[in-house]
Amino acid sequence: MRRLHSLTAAEMRTFLKQVHQSGQGTKKQLRARLRRYYRKEFSMYRMLHEGDSMPRFGNKTARHFDFLVVRISQSTVDSAPVFKDAYRLFRDWMAHHNLGDSGHRYAFVTDGPHDLWKFFQFQCILSNFGTIPHDCRHFINIKRIFEQRVMKLVKGNGERRLEELAKSDRADASDYHIWHRKLPLKLRQVTRDEFLSEEYLDCDSCDEVDE
């Protein structure tokens, strides 16, 4: 899967030329120019062509940006199962590998907090799941661990370089005030003492129905 930051300077100049943009500058400048173009171009496209008519379920149409950056073809989109079926297949795969059974440990690893915190919650709500699967509320943020364990060791003036590796947080921040208030689950950082206090000893916050 090729990302925008993996394109060569020649490839970025070719793409910029196709959309009538300047191909002058360093590789970093070319990448920023290409990112700005597609962010602006496809934001306008979504506003003009999707709106309220976008279906809640089913497979969307792959955009040129999807194929350009991540190589997702239209055939991949057409053959992909809907979320409910994909989640069922995922649970079947977990059961096949005895994940979730007593004596077996597992963890979900994400590249940032938004995969499960934001997108997974939204899809569960749209798919009428009723409740968010409880084990999906806990995950390992590999991007945060990388920042804490690796980025601080980068030689130079000591500045953090995480923004060079992940741009998703900036895009998510623009609509944070819209989606955050719509999600039923809220994340709050607590200290160890708070976690061990009586406040967290009960299960009133759990929504699992007793059999």
N, C-alpha and C. Protein backbone atom coordinates (compact mmCIF):
# COMPACT_ATOMS: atom_id res chain seq x y z
N MET A 1 0.84 -1.19 0.00
CA MET A 1 0.00 0.00 0.00
C MET A 1 0.89 1.25 0.00
N ARG A 2 0.78 2.02 -1.05
CA ARG A 2 1.65 3.18 -1.17
C ARG A 2 0.94 4.41 -0.64
N ARG A 3 1.62 5.14 0.19
CA ARG A 3 1.09 6.36 0.76
C ARG A 3 1.71 7.55 0.04
N LEU A 4 1.13 8.71 0.31
CA LEU A 4 1.59 9.90 -0.37
C LEU A 4 3.06 10.17 -0.08
N HIS A 5 3.50 9.94 1.15
CA HIS A 5 4.88 10.25 1.50
C HIS A 5 5.88 9.29 0.86
N SER A 6 5.40 8.20 0.25
CA SER A 6 6.31 7.24 -0.38
C SER A 6 6.51 7.51 -1.87
N LEU A 7 5.78 8.47 -2.43
CA LEU A 7 5.94 8.79 -3.85
C LEU A 7 7.27 9.49 -4.08
N THR A 8 7.87 9.23 -5.21
CA THR A 8 9.12 9.90 -5.56
C THR A 8 8.81 11.31 -6.05
N ALA A 9 9.85 12.13 -6.12
CA ALA A 9 9.67 13.50 -6.58
C ALA A 9 9.18 13.52 -8.03
N ALA A 10 9.70 12.62 -8.86
CA ALA A 10 9.28 12.56 -10.26
C ALA A 10 7.80 12.18 -10.38
N GLU A 11 7.35 11.24 -9.55
CA GLU A 11 5.94 10.84 -9.59
C GLU A 11 5.05 11.99 -9.14
N MET A 12 5.46 12.71 -8.10
CA MET A 12 4.65 13.83 -7.64
C MET A 12 4.60 14.94 -8.67
N ARG A 13 5.72 15.20 -9.37
CA ARG A 13 5.71 16.22 -10.42
C ARG A 13 4.77 15.81 -11.56
N THR A 14 4.75 14.52 -11.87
CA THR A 14 3.85 14.03 -12.92
C THR A 14 2.40 14.25 -12.54
N PHE A 15 2.04 13.89 -11.31
CA PHE A 15 0.66 14.08 -10.85
C PHE A 15 0.29 15.56 -10.80
N LEU A 16 1.22 16.39 -10.32
CA LEU A 16 0.94 17.83 -10.26
C LEU A 16 0.76 18.41 -11.65
N LYS A 17 1.54 17.94 -12.61
CA LYS A 17 1.39 18.41 -13.98
C LYS A 17 0.03 18.02 -14.55
N GLN A 18 -0.46 16.83 -14.20
CA GLN A 18 -1.75 16.38 -14.69
C GLN A 18 -2.90 17.24 -14.18
N VAL A 19 -2.73 17.82 -13.00
CA VAL A 19 -3.80 18.66 -12.43
C VAL A 19 -3.45 20.13 -12.55
N HIS A 20 -2.48 20.44 -13.44
CA HIS A 20 -2.12 21.83 -13.76
C HIS A 20 -1.62 22.59 -12.53
N GLN A 21 -0.76 21.93 -11.77
CA GLN A 21 -0.12 22.56 -10.62
C GLN A 21 1.38 22.62 -10.86
N SER A 22 2.04 23.56 -10.19
CA SER A 22 3.47 23.74 -10.36
C SER A 22 4.25 22.52 -9.86
N GLY A 23 5.26 22.14 -10.62
CA GLY A 23 6.11 21.03 -10.23
C GLY A 23 7.46 21.47 -9.72
N GLN A 24 7.59 22.76 -9.39
CA GLN A 24 8.84 23.29 -8.90
C GLN A 24 8.94 23.11 -7.38
N GLY A 25 10.17 23.01 -6.88
CA GLY A 25 10.38 22.94 -5.45
C GLY A 25 10.99 21.63 -5.00
N THR A 26 11.23 21.55 -3.70
CA THR A 26 11.80 20.34 -3.11
C THR A 26 10.73 19.25 -3.00
N LYS A 27 11.17 18.06 -2.63
CA LYS A 27 10.24 16.95 -2.47
C LYS A 27 9.22 17.25 -1.38
N LYS A 28 9.65 17.88 -0.30
CA LYS A 28 8.74 18.24 0.78
C LYS A 28 7.70 19.24 0.31
N GLN A 29 8.11 20.22 -0.50
CA GLN A 29 7.18 21.21 -1.03
C GLN A 29 6.21 20.58 -2.02
N LEU A 30 6.70 19.65 -2.84
CA LEU A 30 5.82 18.97 -3.79
C LEU A 30 4.76 18.16 -3.06
N ARG A 31 5.17 17.46 -2.00
CA ARG A 31 4.23 16.65 -1.24
C ARG A 31 3.15 17.53 -0.59
N ALA A 32 3.57 18.65 -0.01
CA ALA A 32 2.62 19.56 0.62
C ALA A 32 1.66 20.15 -0.40
N ARG A 33 2.18 20.49 -1.60
CA ARG A 33 1.32 21.06 -2.65
C ARG A 33 0.31 20.04 -3.14
N LEU A 34 0.75 18.79 -3.31
CA LEU A 34 -0.16 17.75 -3.77
C LEU A 34 -1.22 17.45 -2.73
N ARG A 35 -0.82 17.44 -1.45
CA ARG A 35 -1.77 17.17 -0.38
C ARG A 35 -2.82 18.29 -0.29
N ARG A 36 -2.38 19.54 -0.41
CA ARG A 36 -3.32 20.67 -0.35
C ARG A 36 -4.31 20.61 -1.51
N TYR A 37 -3.81 20.24 -2.69
CA TYR A 37 -4.69 20.19 -3.85
C TYR A 37 -5.80 19.17 -3.66
N TYR A 38 -5.43 17.95 -3.28
CA TYR A 38 -6.43 16.90 -3.15
C TYR A 38 -7.36 17.15 -1.96
N ARG A 39 -6.84 17.72 -0.89
CA ARG A 39 -7.70 18.03 0.24
C ARG A 39 -8.77 19.04 -0.15
N LYS A 40 -8.37 20.07 -0.91
CA LYS A 40 -9.32 21.09 -1.35
C LYS A 40 -10.25 20.54 -2.42
N GLU A 41 -9.67 19.85 -3.39
CA GLU A 41 -10.45 19.36 -4.53
C GLU A 41 -11.53 18.38 -4.10
N PHE A 42 -11.21 17.42 -3.27
CA PHE A 42 -12.16 16.39 -2.93
C PHE A 42 -13.08 16.79 -1.79
N SER A 43 -12.70 17.83 -1.04
CA SER A 43 -13.65 18.39 -0.08
C SER A 43 -14.79 19.05 -0.84
N MET A 44 -14.48 19.78 -1.90
CA MET A 44 -15.52 20.39 -2.73
C MET A 44 -16.34 19.32 -3.44
N TYR A 45 -15.69 18.25 -3.90
CA TYR A 45 -16.41 17.18 -4.59
C TYR A 45 -17.44 16.54 -3.67
N ARG A 46 -17.03 16.24 -2.44
CA ARG A 46 -17.96 15.62 -1.50
C ARG A 46 -19.13 16.55 -1.20
N MET A 47 -18.84 17.83 -1.06
CA MET A 47 -19.89 18.78 -0.72
C MET A 47 -20.90 18.90 -1.86
N LEU A 48 -20.44 18.85 -3.10
CA LEU A 48 -21.31 19.05 -4.25
C LEU A 48 -22.04 17.79 -4.68
N HIS A 49 -21.42 16.63 -4.51
CA HIS A 49 -21.97 15.40 -5.08
C HIS A 49 -22.51 14.42 -4.07
N GLU A 50 -22.16 14.56 -2.81
CA GLU A 50 -22.65 13.60 -1.82
C GLU A 50 -23.81 14.19 -1.04
N GLY A 51 -23.49 15.10 -0.11
CA GLY A 51 -24.55 15.72 0.67
C GLY A 51 -25.41 14.72 1.39
N ASP A 52 -26.72 14.99 1.44
CA ASP A 52 -27.65 14.11 2.13
C ASP A 52 -28.03 12.89 1.31
N SER A 53 -27.61 12.83 0.04
CA SER A 53 -28.00 11.71 -0.80
C SER A 53 -27.09 10.50 -0.65
N MET A 54 -26.01 10.64 0.12
CA MET A 54 -25.09 9.51 0.29
C MET A 54 -25.77 8.40 1.08
N PRO A 55 -25.83 7.17 0.56
CA PRO A 55 -26.48 6.08 1.28
C PRO A 55 -25.74 5.75 2.56
N ARG A 56 -26.48 5.30 3.56
CA ARG A 56 -25.90 4.98 4.85
C ARG A 56 -25.13 3.67 4.81
N PHE A 57 -25.53 2.79 3.92
CA PHE A 57 -24.87 1.49 3.84
C PHE A 57 -24.46 1.24 2.40
N GLY A 58 -23.72 0.15 2.20
CA GLY A 58 -23.31 -0.20 0.85
C GLY A 58 -21.91 0.31 0.55
N ASN A 59 -21.40 -0.06 -0.59
CA ASN A 59 -20.04 0.29 -0.97
C ASN A 59 -20.04 1.58 -1.78
N LYS A 60 -19.19 2.49 -1.37
CA LYS A 60 -19.10 3.76 -2.08
C LYS A 60 -18.27 3.59 -3.35
N THR A 61 -18.23 4.68 -4.13
CA THR A 61 -17.44 4.68 -5.34
C THR A 61 -16.02 5.13 -5.02
N ALA A 62 -15.05 4.36 -5.45
CA ALA A 62 -13.65 4.71 -5.20
C ALA A 62 -13.30 5.98 -5.96
N ARG A 63 -12.64 6.90 -5.30
CA ARG A 63 -12.24 8.15 -5.92
C ARG A 63 -10.84 8.01 -6.50
N HIS A 64 -10.50 8.94 -7.39
CA HIS A 64 -9.17 8.94 -7.99
C HIS A 64 -8.10 9.10 -6.92
N PHE A 65 -8.42 9.86 -5.87
CA PHE A 65 -7.46 10.05 -4.77
C PHE A 65 -7.16 8.73 -4.08
N ASP A 66 -8.20 7.88 -3.90
CA ASP A 66 -7.99 6.59 -3.25
C ASP A 66 -7.00 5.73 -4.03
N PHE A 67 -7.18 5.71 -5.35
CA PHE A 67 -6.28 4.88 -6.16
C PHE A 67 -4.89 5.49 -6.24
N LEU A 68 -4.82 6.81 -6.29
CA LEU A 68 -3.53 7.48 -6.40
C LEU A 68 -2.67 7.24 -5.17
N VAL A 69 -3.25 7.37 -3.98
CA VAL A 69 -2.47 7.34 -2.75
C VAL A 69 -2.37 5.94 -2.17
N VAL A 70 -3.48 5.21 -2.06
CA VAL A 70 -3.46 3.92 -1.37
C VAL A 70 -3.74 2.75 -2.29
N ARG A 71 -3.91 3.01 -3.59
CA ARG A 71 -4.10 1.95 -4.58
C ARG A 71 -5.34 1.09 -4.29
N ILE A 72 -6.44 1.73 -3.92
CA ILE A 72 -7.71 1.03 -3.74
C ILE A 72 -8.48 1.13 -5.05
N SER A 73 -8.72 0.01 -5.72
CA SER A 73 -9.40 0.02 -7.00
C SER A 73 -10.91 -0.10 -6.80
N GLN A 74 -11.66 0.20 -7.86
CA GLN A 74 -13.11 0.11 -7.78
C GLN A 74 -13.56 -1.33 -7.58
N SER A 75 -12.83 -2.29 -8.16
CA SER A 75 -13.20 -3.69 -7.98
C SER A 75 -13.06 -4.11 -6.52
N THR A 76 -12.07 -3.56 -5.81
CA THR A 76 -11.92 -3.85 -4.39
C THR A 76 -13.10 -3.32 -3.60
N VAL A 77 -13.55 -2.12 -3.95
CA VAL A 77 -14.70 -1.52 -3.26
C VAL A 77 -15.97 -2.32 -3.53
N ASP A 78 -16.18 -2.71 -4.80
CA ASP A 78 -17.40 -3.42 -5.17
C ASP A 78 -17.50 -4.79 -4.51
N SER A 79 -16.37 -5.45 -4.33
CA SER A 79 -16.38 -6.80 -3.76
C SER A 79 -16.30 -6.82 -2.24
N ALA A 80 -16.11 -5.67 -1.62
CA ALA A 80 -15.96 -5.62 -0.16
C ALA A 80 -17.31 -5.85 0.52
N PRO A 81 -17.34 -6.62 1.61
CA PRO A 81 -18.60 -6.82 2.34
C PRO A 81 -18.98 -5.57 3.12
N VAL A 82 -20.26 -5.45 3.46
CA VAL A 82 -20.70 -4.33 4.29
C VAL A 82 -20.16 -4.54 5.70
N PHE A 83 -20.29 -3.51 6.53
CA PHE A 83 -19.63 -3.53 7.83
C PHE A 83 -20.09 -4.70 8.70
N LYS A 84 -21.39 -4.97 8.74
CA LYS A 84 -21.89 -6.05 9.59
C LYS A 84 -21.28 -7.39 9.19
N ASP A 85 -21.22 -7.65 7.88
CA ASP A 85 -20.63 -8.90 7.42
C ASP A 85 -19.13 -8.95 7.68
N ALA A 86 -18.46 -7.81 7.47
CA ALA A 86 -17.01 -7.77 7.72
C ALA A 86 -16.71 -8.00 9.20
N TYR A 87 -17.53 -7.43 10.07
CA TYR A 87 -17.30 -7.63 11.50
C TYR A 87 -17.56 -9.08 11.90
N ARG A 88 -18.59 -9.70 11.31
CA ARG A 88 -18.87 -11.11 11.60
C ARG A 88 -17.71 -11.99 11.13
N LEU A 89 -17.17 -11.72 9.94
CA LEU A 89 -16.03 -12.49 9.44
C LEU A 89 -14.81 -12.30 10.35
N PHE A 90 -14.65 -11.09 10.85
CA PHE A 90 -13.53 -10.82 11.75
C PHE A 90 -13.67 -11.62 13.04
N ARG A 91 -14.90 -11.68 13.58
CA ARG A 91 -15.13 -12.45 14.80
C ARG A 91 -14.95 -13.95 14.55
N ASP A 92 -15.36 -14.41 13.38
CA ASP A 92 -15.14 -15.82 13.02
C ASP A 92 -13.65 -16.13 12.96
N TRP A 93 -12.88 -15.20 12.41
CA TRP A 93 -11.43 -15.39 12.34
C TRP A 93 -10.83 -15.45 13.75
N MET A 94 -11.30 -14.58 14.64
CA MET A 94 -10.81 -14.60 16.02
C MET A 94 -11.15 -15.92 16.70
N ALA A 95 -12.37 -16.41 16.49
CA ALA A 95 -12.77 -17.69 17.10
C ALA A 95 -11.93 -18.84 16.56
N HIS A 96 -11.61 -18.78 15.27
CA HIS A 96 -10.79 -19.84 14.66
C HIS A 96 -9.40 -19.90 15.29
N HIS A 97 -8.91 -18.76 15.74
CA HIS A 97 -7.58 -18.70 16.36
C HIS A 97 -7.68 -18.67 17.89
N ASN A 98 -8.85 -19.01 18.41
CA ASN A 98 -9.06 -19.09 19.87
C ASN A 98 -8.80 -17.77 20.58
N LEU A 99 -9.00 -16.67 19.90
CA LEU A 99 -8.83 -15.36 20.51
C LEU A 99 -10.13 -14.97 21.20
N GLY A 100 -10.04 -14.64 22.45
CA GLY A 100 -11.22 -14.32 23.23
C GLY A 100 -11.60 -15.42 24.19
N ASP A 101 -11.06 -16.62 23.98
CA ASP A 101 -11.31 -17.73 24.90
C ASP A 101 -10.50 -17.55 26.18
N SER A 102 -10.91 -18.24 27.20
CA SER A 102 -10.20 -18.19 28.47
C SER A 102 -8.78 -18.73 28.29
N GLY A 103 -7.83 -17.98 28.82
CA GLY A 103 -6.44 -18.41 28.72
C GLY A 103 -5.70 -17.87 27.52
N HIS A 104 -6.38 -17.14 26.65
CA HIS A 104 -5.74 -16.57 25.47
C HIS A 104 -5.88 -15.05 25.53
N ARG A 105 -4.78 -14.37 25.36
CA ARG A 105 -4.78 -12.91 25.42
C ARG A 105 -4.58 -12.33 24.02
N TYR A 106 -5.16 -11.18 23.79
CA TYR A 106 -5.01 -10.50 22.51
C TYR A 106 -5.18 -9.00 22.74
N ALA A 107 -4.81 -8.23 21.75
CA ALA A 107 -4.95 -6.78 21.85
C ALA A 107 -5.15 -6.21 20.46
N PHE A 108 -5.90 -5.13 20.37
CA PHE A 108 -6.08 -4.40 19.12
C PHE A 108 -5.03 -3.29 19.06
N VAL A 109 -4.32 -3.21 17.95
CA VAL A 109 -3.29 -2.20 17.76
C VAL A 109 -3.72 -1.27 16.64
N THR A 110 -3.73 0.03 16.91
CA THR A 110 -4.17 1.01 15.92
C THR A 110 -3.08 2.05 15.71
N ASP A 111 -3.13 2.68 14.55
CA ASP A 111 -2.21 3.77 14.23
C ASP A 111 -2.88 5.09 14.60
N GLY A 112 -3.01 5.34 15.88
CA GLY A 112 -3.70 6.52 16.36
C GLY A 112 -5.00 6.14 17.05
N PRO A 113 -5.65 7.10 17.72
CA PRO A 113 -6.84 6.79 18.51
C PRO A 113 -8.13 6.75 17.72
N HIS A 114 -8.14 7.26 16.50
CA HIS A 114 -9.41 7.51 15.83
C HIS A 114 -10.03 6.27 15.18
N ASP A 115 -9.23 5.22 14.91
CA ASP A 115 -9.77 4.04 14.25
C ASP A 115 -10.92 3.43 15.05
N LEU A 116 -10.70 3.20 16.34
CA LEU A 116 -11.74 2.60 17.18
C LEU A 116 -12.57 3.66 17.89
N TRP A 117 -11.93 4.72 18.32
CA TRP A 117 -12.63 5.75 19.09
C TRP A 117 -13.67 6.48 18.24
N LYS A 118 -13.32 6.78 17.00
CA LYS A 118 -14.19 7.57 16.14
C LYS A 118 -14.88 6.73 15.07
N PHE A 119 -14.11 6.18 14.13
CA PHE A 119 -14.69 5.54 12.95
C PHE A 119 -15.45 4.26 13.30
N PHE A 120 -14.89 3.43 14.16
CA PHE A 120 -15.57 2.19 14.53
C PHE A 120 -16.89 2.49 15.26
N GLN A 121 -16.88 3.48 16.15
CA GLN A 121 -18.11 3.84 16.86
C GLN A 121 -19.18 4.32 15.90
N PHE A 122 -18.79 5.20 14.98
CA PHE A 122 -19.75 5.72 14.01
C PHE A 122 -20.37 4.58 13.20
N GLN A 123 -19.55 3.64 12.75
CA GLN A 123 -20.07 2.56 11.93
C GLN A 123 -20.97 1.64 12.72
N CYS A 124 -20.65 1.41 14.00
CA CYS A 124 -21.53 0.60 14.85
C CYS A 124 -22.88 1.28 15.02
N ILE A 125 -22.87 2.60 15.17
CA ILE A 125 -24.12 3.34 15.31
C ILE A 125 -24.94 3.27 14.03
N LEU A 126 -24.29 3.47 12.88
CA LEU A 126 -24.99 3.41 11.60
C LEU A 126 -25.52 2.01 11.31
N SER A 127 -24.84 0.99 11.81
CA SER A 127 -25.25 -0.39 11.57
C SER A 127 -26.20 -0.91 12.63
N ASN A 128 -26.65 -0.02 13.54
CA ASN A 128 -27.63 -0.39 14.57
C ASN A 128 -27.15 -1.55 15.44
N PHE A 129 -25.90 -1.46 15.88
CA PHE A 129 -25.36 -2.51 16.74
C PHE A 129 -26.00 -2.50 18.13
N GLY A 130 -26.53 -1.38 18.54
CA GLY A 130 -27.10 -1.28 19.88
C GLY A 130 -26.06 -0.91 20.91
N THR A 131 -25.01 -1.70 21.02
CA THR A 131 -23.91 -1.41 21.93
C THR A 131 -22.59 -1.57 21.19
N ILE A 132 -21.60 -0.84 21.66
CA ILE A 132 -20.26 -0.97 21.10
C ILE A 132 -19.61 -2.22 21.71
N PRO A 133 -19.09 -3.15 20.91
CA PRO A 133 -18.43 -4.33 21.48
C PRO A 133 -17.42 -3.93 22.54
N HIS A 134 -17.55 -4.54 23.71
CA HIS A 134 -16.80 -4.06 24.87
C HIS A 134 -15.30 -4.21 24.69
N ASP A 135 -14.84 -5.30 24.07
CA ASP A 135 -13.40 -5.47 23.93
C ASP A 135 -12.79 -4.55 22.89
N CYS A 136 -13.63 -3.91 22.09
CA CYS A 136 -13.13 -2.96 21.09
C CYS A 136 -12.92 -1.57 21.67
N ARG A 137 -13.21 -1.40 22.94
CA ARG A 137 -13.02 -0.10 23.57
C ARG A 137 -11.61 0.08 24.12
N HIS A 138 -10.81 -0.95 24.05
CA HIS A 138 -9.45 -0.90 24.57
C HIS A 138 -8.49 -1.23 23.43
N PHE A 139 -7.47 -0.42 23.26
CA PHE A 139 -6.56 -0.63 22.14
C PHE A 139 -5.18 -0.07 22.49
N ILE A 140 -4.20 -0.52 21.73
CA ILE A 140 -2.83 -0.04 21.87
C ILE A 140 -2.57 0.97 20.75
N ASN A 141 -2.24 2.19 21.13
CA ASN A 141 -1.97 3.25 20.17
C ASN A 141 -0.49 3.20 19.79
N ILE A 142 -0.19 2.50 18.69
CA ILE A 142 1.20 2.30 18.32
C ILE A 142 1.86 3.61 17.91
N LYS A 143 1.07 4.55 17.39
CA LYS A 143 1.64 5.84 17.01
C LYS A 143 2.12 6.61 18.24
N ARG A 144 1.34 6.53 19.31
CA ARG A 144 1.72 7.21 20.55
C ARG A 144 2.96 6.56 21.16
N ILE A 145 3.02 5.24 21.12
CA ILE A 145 4.18 4.54 21.66
C ILE A 145 5.43 4.88 20.85
N PHE A 146 5.27 4.93 19.54
CA PHE A 146 6.40 5.29 18.68
C PHE A 146 6.90 6.68 19.00
N GLU A 147 5.98 7.59 19.23
CA GLU A 147 6.36 8.96 19.57
C GLU A 147 7.13 9.01 20.89
N GLN A 148 6.65 8.26 21.88
CA GLN A 148 7.26 8.30 23.20
C GLN A 148 8.60 7.56 23.24
N ARG A 149 8.71 6.45 22.52
CA ARG A 149 9.88 5.60 22.64
C ARG A 149 10.95 5.88 21.58
N VAL A 150 10.55 6.35 20.41
CA VAL A 150 11.49 6.46 19.31
C VAL A 150 11.78 7.91 18.93
N MET A 151 10.72 8.70 18.76
CA MET A 151 10.91 10.05 18.24
C MET A 151 11.76 10.92 19.15
N LYS A 152 11.70 10.68 20.44
CA LYS A 152 12.51 11.50 21.35
C LYS A 152 14.00 11.19 21.23
N LEU A 153 14.33 10.09 20.53
CA LEU A 153 15.72 9.72 20.35
C LEU A 153 16.31 10.24 19.05
N VAL A 154 15.48 10.94 18.25
CA VAL A 154 15.96 11.46 16.97
C VAL A 154 17.05 12.50 17.22
N LYS A 155 18.16 12.38 16.50
CA LYS A 155 19.25 13.33 16.67
C LYS A 155 18.87 14.67 16.06
N GLY A 156 19.44 15.74 16.59
CA GLY A 156 19.16 17.06 16.08
C GLY A 156 18.90 18.02 17.22
N ASN A 157 17.93 18.90 17.01
CA ASN A 157 17.66 19.91 18.02
C ASN A 157 16.64 19.45 19.05
N GLY A 158 16.24 18.19 19.00
CA GLY A 158 15.34 17.65 20.02
C GLY A 158 13.88 17.87 19.74
N GLU A 159 13.51 18.49 18.63
CA GLU A 159 12.11 18.73 18.33
C GLU A 159 11.45 17.42 17.92
N ARG A 160 10.18 17.28 18.29
CA ARG A 160 9.45 16.07 17.92
C ARG A 160 9.10 16.12 16.44
N ARG A 161 9.20 14.97 15.77
CA ARG A 161 8.96 14.91 14.33
C ARG A 161 7.73 14.08 14.00
N LEU A 162 6.83 13.90 14.93
CA LEU A 162 5.67 13.06 14.67
C LEU A 162 4.81 13.63 13.56
N GLU A 163 4.77 14.97 13.44
CA GLU A 163 3.94 15.56 12.40
C GLU A 163 4.41 15.20 11.01
N GLU A 164 5.67 14.78 10.87
CA GLU A 164 6.16 14.36 9.57
C GLU A 164 5.70 12.96 9.22
N LEU A 165 5.26 12.19 10.23
CA LEU A 165 4.87 10.80 10.01
C LEU A 165 3.37 10.62 9.91
N ALA A 166 2.62 11.45 10.56
CA ALA A 166 1.17 11.26 10.60
C ALA A 166 0.48 12.60 10.47
N LYS A 167 -0.32 12.75 9.42
CA LYS A 167 -1.04 13.99 9.19
C LYS A 167 -2.52 13.86 9.52
N SER A 168 -2.95 12.67 9.92
CA SER A 168 -4.37 12.42 10.12
C SER A 168 -4.95 13.26 11.25
N ASP A 169 -4.16 13.50 12.30
CA ASP A 169 -4.68 14.25 13.43
C ASP A 169 -5.09 15.66 13.02
N ARG A 170 -4.36 16.26 12.10
CA ARG A 170 -4.71 17.61 11.66
C ARG A 170 -6.05 17.61 10.93
N ALA A 171 -6.25 16.60 10.08
CA ALA A 171 -7.51 16.53 9.35
C ALA A 171 -8.67 16.24 10.30
N ASP A 172 -8.46 15.36 11.27
CA ASP A 172 -9.52 15.03 12.21
C ASP A 172 -9.86 16.20 13.11
N ALA A 173 -8.86 17.03 13.41
CA ALA A 173 -9.11 18.15 14.32
C ALA A 173 -10.10 19.14 13.74
N SER A 174 -10.16 19.24 12.40
CA SER A 174 -11.05 20.21 11.78
C SER A 174 -12.52 19.90 12.02
N ASP A 175 -12.88 18.62 12.13
CA ASP A 175 -14.28 18.27 12.37
C ASP A 175 -14.47 17.64 13.74
N TYR A 176 -13.51 17.87 14.64
CA TYR A 176 -13.59 17.27 15.98
C TYR A 176 -14.85 17.72 16.70
N HIS A 177 -15.19 19.01 16.61
CA HIS A 177 -16.35 19.52 17.34
C HIS A 177 -17.65 18.94 16.81
N ILE A 178 -17.63 18.39 15.59
CA ILE A 178 -18.85 17.83 15.00
C ILE A 178 -19.07 16.40 15.47
N TRP A 179 -18.03 15.56 15.35
CA TRP A 179 -18.23 14.14 15.64
C TRP A 179 -18.08 13.81 17.11
N HIS A 180 -17.34 14.60 17.87
CA HIS A 180 -17.07 14.24 19.25
C HIS A 180 -18.34 14.24 20.08
N ARG A 181 -19.20 15.24 19.89
CA ARG A 181 -20.41 15.32 20.71
C ARG A 181 -21.46 14.29 20.29
N LYS A 182 -21.27 13.63 19.14
CA LYS A 182 -22.25 12.66 18.68
C LYS A 182 -21.96 11.24 19.15
N LEU A 183 -20.77 11.00 19.68
CA LEU A 183 -20.39 9.65 20.07
C LEU A 183 -20.82 9.36 21.50
N PRO A 184 -21.37 8.18 21.75
CA PRO A 184 -21.86 7.86 23.10
C PRO A 184 -20.75 7.64 24.11
N LEU A 185 -19.59 7.15 23.68
CA LEU A 185 -18.50 6.86 24.60
C LEU A 185 -17.52 8.02 24.63
N LYS A 186 -17.07 8.36 25.81
CA LYS A 186 -16.10 9.43 25.98
C LYS A 186 -14.86 8.87 26.66
N LEU A 187 -13.71 9.29 26.18
CA LEU A 187 -12.46 8.86 26.77
C LEU A 187 -11.96 9.95 27.71
N ARG A 188 -11.50 9.53 28.87
CA ARG A 188 -10.96 10.48 29.84
C ARG A 188 -9.73 9.87 30.48
N GLN A 189 -8.66 10.63 30.54
CA GLN A 189 -7.43 10.14 31.14
C GLN A 189 -7.57 10.18 32.66
N VAL A 190 -7.23 9.08 33.31
CA VAL A 190 -7.30 8.99 34.77
C VAL A 190 -5.94 8.54 35.30
N THR A 191 -5.68 8.90 36.54
CA THR A 191 -4.44 8.48 37.17
C THR A 191 -4.60 7.08 37.74
N ARG A 192 -3.50 6.48 38.15
CA ARG A 192 -3.55 5.15 38.74
C ARG A 192 -4.36 5.15 40.03
N ASP A 193 -4.18 6.18 40.86
CA ASP A 193 -4.92 6.25 42.12
C ASP A 193 -6.42 6.35 41.87
N GLU A 194 -6.80 7.13 40.86
CA GLU A 194 -8.22 7.25 40.54
C GLU A 194 -8.78 5.91 40.06
N PHE A 195 -7.99 5.22 39.24
CA PHE A 195 -8.46 3.95 38.71
C PHE A 195 -8.67 2.91 39.81
N LEU A 196 -7.83 2.95 40.85
CA LEU A 196 -7.93 1.99 41.94
C LEU A 196 -8.92 2.42 43.01
N SER A 197 -9.49 3.60 42.86
CA SER A 197 -10.44 4.07 43.87
C SER A 197 -11.78 3.38 43.71
N GLU A 198 -12.68 3.62 44.67
CA GLU A 198 -14.00 2.97 44.65
C GLU A 198 -14.83 3.42 43.46
N GLU A 199 -14.50 4.55 42.90
CA GLU A 199 -15.28 5.06 41.77
C GLU A 199 -15.29 4.09 40.59
N TYR A 200 -14.20 3.32 40.44
CA TYR A 200 -14.08 2.42 39.30
C TYR A 200 -14.21 0.95 39.69
N LEU A 201 -14.74 0.68 40.87
CA LEU A 201 -14.88 -0.70 41.31
C LEU A 201 -16.18 -1.34 40.84
N ASP A 202 -17.17 -0.53 40.49
CA ASP A 202 -18.44 -1.09 40.05
C ASP A 202 -18.45 -1.23 38.53
N CYS A 203 -19.51 -1.84 38.02
CA CYS A 203 -19.63 -2.06 36.57
C CYS A 203 -20.86 -1.35 36.02
N ASP A 204 -21.24 -0.25 36.65
CA ASP A 204 -22.42 0.47 36.18
C ASP A 204 -22.24 0.99 34.76
N SER A 205 -20.99 1.21 34.37
CA SER A 205 -20.75 1.73 33.03
C SER A 205 -20.78 0.65 31.96
N CYS A 206 -20.77 -0.61 32.37
CA CYS A 206 -20.82 -1.71 31.40
C CYS A 206 -22.23 -1.87 30.87
N ASP A 207 -22.34 -2.15 29.60
CA ASP A 207 -23.66 -2.28 28.99
C ASP A 207 -23.95 -3.71 28.55
N GLU A 208 -23.19 -4.66 29.03
CA GLU A 208 -23.45 -6.05 28.67
C GLU A 208 -24.66 -6.57 29.44
N VAL A 209 -25.54 -7.23 28.75
CA VAL A 209 -26.77 -7.73 29.35
C VAL A 209 -26.50 -9.08 30.01
N ASP A 210 -26.93 -9.23 31.25
CA ASP A 210 -26.75 -10.51 31.94
C ASP A 210 -27.62 -11.57 31.29
N GLU A 211 -27.03 -12.73 31.11
CA GLU A 211 -27.78 -13.83 30.49
C GLU A 211 -28.69 -14.50 31.52
